[in-house]
Amino acid sequence: MVVGRMILFKGGANEIAPALFRHELIHQEQIDRHGIMRFYLIYSRDYLANLWRFGNHDAAYRNIPFEKEAYERDRDKEVLQSLPLPDDHS
């Protein structure tokens, strides 16, 4: 989970999957692009609209445009090469 410029993970550093780390770094890029307040306002608005539309958390989360972008890009080969991995995974 990204909170401003900090990425918070559940568990120890050895348990962080590289794909999850890249995914969260993409969210930091999105925050840089949109600004922190705007990012969280848009993210929250989209989540709540999706929750109303789909009626469940998973579908609401998966259909947030910021999440869709992060899931698409965390598998892109160019993105994979440009983003760092946690120290324990490099």
N, C-alpha and C. Protein backbone atom coordinates (compact mmCIF):
# COMPACT_ATOMS: atom_id res chain seq x y z
N MET A 1 0.85 -1.17 0.00
CA MET A 1 0.00 0.00 0.00
C MET A 1 0.89 1.23 0.00
N VAL A 2 0.56 2.18 -0.84
CA VAL A 2 1.32 3.42 -0.91
C VAL A 2 0.62 4.49 -0.08
N VAL A 3 1.40 5.09 0.82
CA VAL A 3 0.92 6.20 1.63
C VAL A 3 1.89 7.34 1.38
N GLY A 4 1.50 8.24 0.49
CA GLY A 4 2.39 9.33 0.11
C GLY A 4 3.62 8.78 -0.60
N ARG A 5 4.80 9.05 -0.06
CA ARG A 5 6.05 8.57 -0.65
C ARG A 5 6.53 7.29 0.01
N MET A 6 5.72 6.69 0.86
CA MET A 6 6.11 5.50 1.58
C MET A 6 5.27 4.30 1.10
N ILE A 7 5.94 3.17 0.92
CA ILE A 7 5.25 1.93 0.56
C ILE A 7 5.24 1.05 1.81
N LEU A 8 4.04 0.65 2.20
CA LEU A 8 3.88 -0.22 3.37
C LEU A 8 3.54 -1.63 2.91
N PHE A 9 4.24 -2.60 3.48
CA PHE A 9 3.99 -4.00 3.17
C PHE A 9 3.67 -4.76 4.44
N LYS A 10 2.84 -5.77 4.32
CA LYS A 10 2.54 -6.67 5.43
C LYS A 10 3.59 -7.78 5.39
N GLY A 11 4.24 -8.03 6.49
CA GLY A 11 5.25 -9.08 6.53
C GLY A 11 6.65 -8.49 6.40
N GLY A 12 7.63 -9.37 6.35
CA GLY A 12 9.03 -8.97 6.27
C GLY A 12 9.50 -8.71 4.85
N ALA A 13 10.68 -8.13 4.74
CA ALA A 13 11.24 -7.79 3.43
C ALA A 13 11.42 -9.02 2.54
N ASN A 14 11.72 -10.16 3.13
CA ASN A 14 11.90 -11.39 2.34
C ASN A 14 10.61 -11.91 1.75
N GLU A 15 9.47 -11.40 2.23
CA GLU A 15 8.16 -11.87 1.77
C GLU A 15 7.57 -11.00 0.68
N ILE A 16 8.27 -9.94 0.28
CA ILE A 16 7.73 -9.00 -0.72
C ILE A 16 7.97 -9.57 -2.12
N ALA A 17 6.90 -9.83 -2.83
CA ALA A 17 7.01 -10.32 -4.20
C ALA A 17 7.46 -9.16 -5.10
N PRO A 18 8.41 -9.40 -6.00
CA PRO A 18 8.88 -8.34 -6.89
C PRO A 18 7.74 -7.68 -7.68
N ALA A 19 6.77 -8.46 -8.13
CA ALA A 19 5.65 -7.88 -8.89
C ALA A 19 4.84 -6.92 -8.03
N LEU A 20 4.64 -7.25 -6.76
CA LEU A 20 3.91 -6.36 -5.86
C LEU A 20 4.70 -5.07 -5.63
N PHE A 21 6.00 -5.20 -5.46
CA PHE A 21 6.84 -4.02 -5.27
C PHE A 21 6.74 -3.11 -6.50
N ARG A 22 6.86 -3.68 -7.70
CA ARG A 22 6.74 -2.88 -8.93
C ARG A 22 5.36 -2.23 -9.02
N HIS A 23 4.33 -2.97 -8.66
CA HIS A 23 2.96 -2.45 -8.70
C HIS A 23 2.85 -1.20 -7.83
N GLU A 24 3.40 -1.26 -6.64
CA GLU A 24 3.32 -0.12 -5.74
C GLU A 24 4.18 1.04 -6.23
N LEU A 25 5.31 0.75 -6.86
CA LEU A 25 6.13 1.82 -7.45
C LEU A 25 5.37 2.54 -8.57
N ILE A 26 4.56 1.80 -9.30
CA ILE A 26 3.74 2.42 -10.36
C ILE A 26 2.72 3.35 -9.72
N HIS A 27 2.16 2.98 -8.58
CA HIS A 27 1.26 3.89 -7.88
C HIS A 27 2.01 5.17 -7.45
N GLN A 28 3.26 5.04 -7.06
CA GLN A 28 4.02 6.24 -6.72
C GLN A 28 4.21 7.13 -7.96
N GLU A 29 4.44 6.53 -9.11
CA GLU A 29 4.51 7.31 -10.35
C GLU A 29 3.19 8.03 -10.61
N GLN A 30 2.09 7.35 -10.38
CA GLN A 30 0.77 7.96 -10.57
C GLN A 30 0.58 9.15 -9.63
N ILE A 31 1.03 9.00 -8.39
CA ILE A 31 0.95 10.10 -7.42
C ILE A 31 1.80 11.27 -7.91
N ASP A 32 2.99 10.99 -8.42
CA ASP A 32 3.84 12.05 -8.95
C ASP A 32 3.17 12.76 -10.12
N ARG A 33 2.49 12.00 -10.95
CA ARG A 33 1.83 12.54 -12.14
C ARG A 33 0.63 13.42 -11.80
N HIS A 34 -0.16 12.99 -10.82
CA HIS A 34 -1.42 13.67 -10.52
C HIS A 34 -1.38 14.54 -9.27
N GLY A 35 -0.38 14.36 -8.44
CA GLY A 35 -0.34 15.03 -7.14
C GLY A 35 -1.00 14.15 -6.11
N ILE A 36 -0.52 14.23 -4.90
CA ILE A 36 -0.96 13.30 -3.86
C ILE A 36 -2.45 13.43 -3.54
N MET A 37 -2.91 14.65 -3.34
CA MET A 37 -4.33 14.84 -2.98
C MET A 37 -5.24 14.42 -4.12
N ARG A 38 -4.90 14.84 -5.33
CA ARG A 38 -5.74 14.50 -6.49
C ARG A 38 -5.78 12.99 -6.70
N PHE A 39 -4.61 12.33 -6.57
CA PHE A 39 -4.56 10.88 -6.73
C PHE A 39 -5.53 10.20 -5.78
N TYR A 40 -5.44 10.53 -4.49
CA TYR A 40 -6.29 9.86 -3.50
C TYR A 40 -7.76 10.23 -3.65
N LEU A 41 -8.05 11.44 -4.07
CA LEU A 41 -9.45 11.82 -4.33
C LEU A 41 -10.03 11.03 -5.49
N ILE A 42 -9.28 10.95 -6.59
CA ILE A 42 -9.74 10.20 -7.76
C ILE A 42 -9.86 8.71 -7.42
N TYR A 43 -8.84 8.18 -6.75
CA TYR A 43 -8.84 6.76 -6.38
C TYR A 43 -10.06 6.44 -5.53
N SER A 44 -10.31 7.25 -4.51
CA SER A 44 -11.46 7.02 -3.61
C SER A 44 -12.78 7.16 -4.35
N ARG A 45 -12.89 8.19 -5.17
CA ARG A 45 -14.11 8.39 -5.95
C ARG A 45 -14.40 7.19 -6.85
N ASP A 46 -13.36 6.73 -7.55
CA ASP A 46 -13.54 5.60 -8.46
C ASP A 46 -13.88 4.32 -7.71
N TYR A 47 -13.23 4.10 -6.56
CA TYR A 47 -13.54 2.92 -5.77
C TYR A 47 -15.00 2.94 -5.32
N LEU A 48 -15.44 4.07 -4.78
CA LEU A 48 -16.82 4.16 -4.28
C LEU A 48 -17.84 4.02 -5.41
N ALA A 49 -17.55 4.63 -6.56
CA ALA A 49 -18.46 4.49 -7.71
C ALA A 49 -18.52 3.03 -8.17
N ASN A 50 -17.37 2.36 -8.19
CA ASN A 50 -17.33 0.95 -8.58
C ASN A 50 -18.02 0.06 -7.55
N LEU A 51 -17.88 0.39 -6.28
CA LEU A 51 -18.54 -0.38 -5.24
C LEU A 51 -20.05 -0.28 -5.41
N TRP A 52 -20.52 0.90 -5.71
CA TRP A 52 -21.95 1.11 -5.98
C TRP A 52 -22.38 0.31 -7.22
N ARG A 53 -21.54 0.37 -8.25
CA ARG A 53 -21.86 -0.29 -9.53
C ARG A 53 -21.82 -1.82 -9.43
N PHE A 54 -20.76 -2.36 -8.83
CA PHE A 54 -20.55 -3.81 -8.82
C PHE A 54 -21.03 -4.51 -7.56
N GLY A 55 -21.12 -3.77 -6.47
CA GLY A 55 -21.65 -4.34 -5.23
C GLY A 55 -20.70 -5.20 -4.43
N ASN A 56 -19.40 -5.27 -4.83
CA ASN A 56 -18.43 -5.99 -4.00
C ASN A 56 -17.05 -5.37 -4.11
N HIS A 57 -16.27 -5.57 -3.06
CA HIS A 57 -14.95 -4.94 -2.95
C HIS A 57 -14.01 -5.33 -4.08
N ASP A 58 -13.89 -6.63 -4.37
CA ASP A 58 -12.92 -7.10 -5.36
C ASP A 58 -13.16 -6.47 -6.73
N ALA A 59 -14.39 -6.49 -7.19
CA ALA A 59 -14.71 -5.90 -8.50
C ALA A 59 -14.50 -4.39 -8.47
N ALA A 60 -14.87 -3.76 -7.36
CA ALA A 60 -14.68 -2.31 -7.23
C ALA A 60 -13.19 -1.97 -7.32
N TYR A 61 -12.36 -2.70 -6.62
CA TYR A 61 -10.92 -2.48 -6.61
C TYR A 61 -10.31 -2.74 -7.99
N ARG A 62 -10.63 -3.87 -8.60
CA ARG A 62 -10.04 -4.24 -9.89
C ARG A 62 -10.42 -3.29 -11.03
N ASN A 63 -11.49 -2.55 -10.88
CA ASN A 63 -11.94 -1.65 -11.93
C ASN A 63 -11.57 -0.19 -11.69
N ILE A 64 -10.76 0.08 -10.68
CA ILE A 64 -10.22 1.43 -10.49
C ILE A 64 -9.20 1.66 -11.60
N PRO A 65 -9.33 2.72 -12.39
CA PRO A 65 -8.38 2.95 -13.48
C PRO A 65 -6.91 2.95 -13.05
N PHE A 66 -6.59 3.50 -11.89
CA PHE A 66 -5.21 3.47 -11.41
C PHE A 66 -4.73 2.04 -11.19
N GLU A 67 -5.60 1.18 -10.69
CA GLU A 67 -5.24 -0.23 -10.48
C GLU A 67 -5.07 -0.95 -11.82
N LYS A 68 -5.98 -0.69 -12.75
CA LYS A 68 -5.87 -1.32 -14.07
C LYS A 68 -4.53 -0.97 -14.71
N GLU A 69 -4.16 0.31 -14.65
CA GLU A 69 -2.87 0.74 -15.21
C GLU A 69 -1.72 0.04 -14.51
N ALA A 70 -1.75 0.00 -13.20
CA ALA A 70 -0.65 -0.62 -12.45
C ALA A 70 -0.53 -2.11 -12.76
N TYR A 71 -1.66 -2.82 -12.85
CA TYR A 71 -1.61 -4.25 -13.18
C TYR A 71 -1.12 -4.48 -14.61
N GLU A 72 -1.50 -3.61 -15.54
CA GLU A 72 -1.02 -3.76 -16.92
C GLU A 72 0.48 -3.48 -17.00
N ARG A 73 0.92 -2.42 -16.35
CA ARG A 73 2.31 -2.00 -16.45
C ARG A 73 3.26 -2.84 -15.61
N ASP A 74 2.80 -3.47 -14.54
CA ASP A 74 3.75 -4.22 -13.72
C ASP A 74 4.22 -5.50 -14.41
N ARG A 75 3.65 -5.79 -15.56
CA ARG A 75 4.07 -6.95 -16.36
C ARG A 75 4.78 -6.55 -17.65
N ASP A 76 4.80 -5.24 -17.96
CA ASP A 76 5.43 -4.72 -19.17
C ASP A 76 6.95 -4.85 -19.06
N LYS A 77 7.59 -5.41 -20.08
CA LYS A 77 9.03 -5.66 -20.01
C LYS A 77 9.85 -4.38 -19.83
N GLU A 78 9.46 -3.29 -20.49
CA GLU A 78 10.19 -2.04 -20.32
C GLU A 78 10.04 -1.51 -18.90
N VAL A 79 8.86 -1.62 -18.34
CA VAL A 79 8.64 -1.18 -16.96
C VAL A 79 9.44 -2.06 -16.01
N LEU A 80 9.46 -3.35 -16.27
CA LEU A 80 10.20 -4.28 -15.42
C LEU A 80 11.67 -3.90 -15.35
N GLN A 81 12.23 -3.45 -16.46
CA GLN A 81 13.65 -3.08 -16.49
C GLN A 81 13.90 -1.72 -15.85
N SER A 82 12.91 -0.83 -15.86
CA SER A 82 13.14 0.52 -15.35
C SER A 82 12.87 0.67 -13.86
N LEU A 83 12.14 -0.26 -13.26
CA LEU A 83 11.81 -0.16 -11.83
C LEU A 83 12.75 -1.04 -11.02
N PRO A 84 13.19 -0.54 -9.87
CA PRO A 84 14.08 -1.34 -9.01
C PRO A 84 13.30 -2.44 -8.30
N LEU A 85 14.01 -3.43 -7.85
CA LEU A 85 13.45 -4.49 -7.01
C LEU A 85 13.91 -4.24 -5.58
N PRO A 86 13.21 -4.78 -4.61
CA PRO A 86 13.71 -4.67 -3.24
C PRO A 86 15.09 -5.29 -3.13
N ASP A 87 15.91 -4.82 -2.21
CA ASP A 87 17.28 -5.31 -2.06
C ASP A 87 17.38 -6.82 -1.94
N ASP A 88 16.44 -7.43 -1.24
CA ASP A 88 16.49 -8.88 -1.03
C ASP A 88 16.17 -9.68 -2.28
N HIS A 89 15.66 -9.02 -3.34
CA HIS A 89 15.26 -9.74 -4.55
C HIS A 89 16.13 -9.39 -5.75
N SER A 90 17.14 -8.56 -5.58
CA SER A 90 17.95 -8.18 -6.75
C SER A 90 19.21 -8.99 -6.84
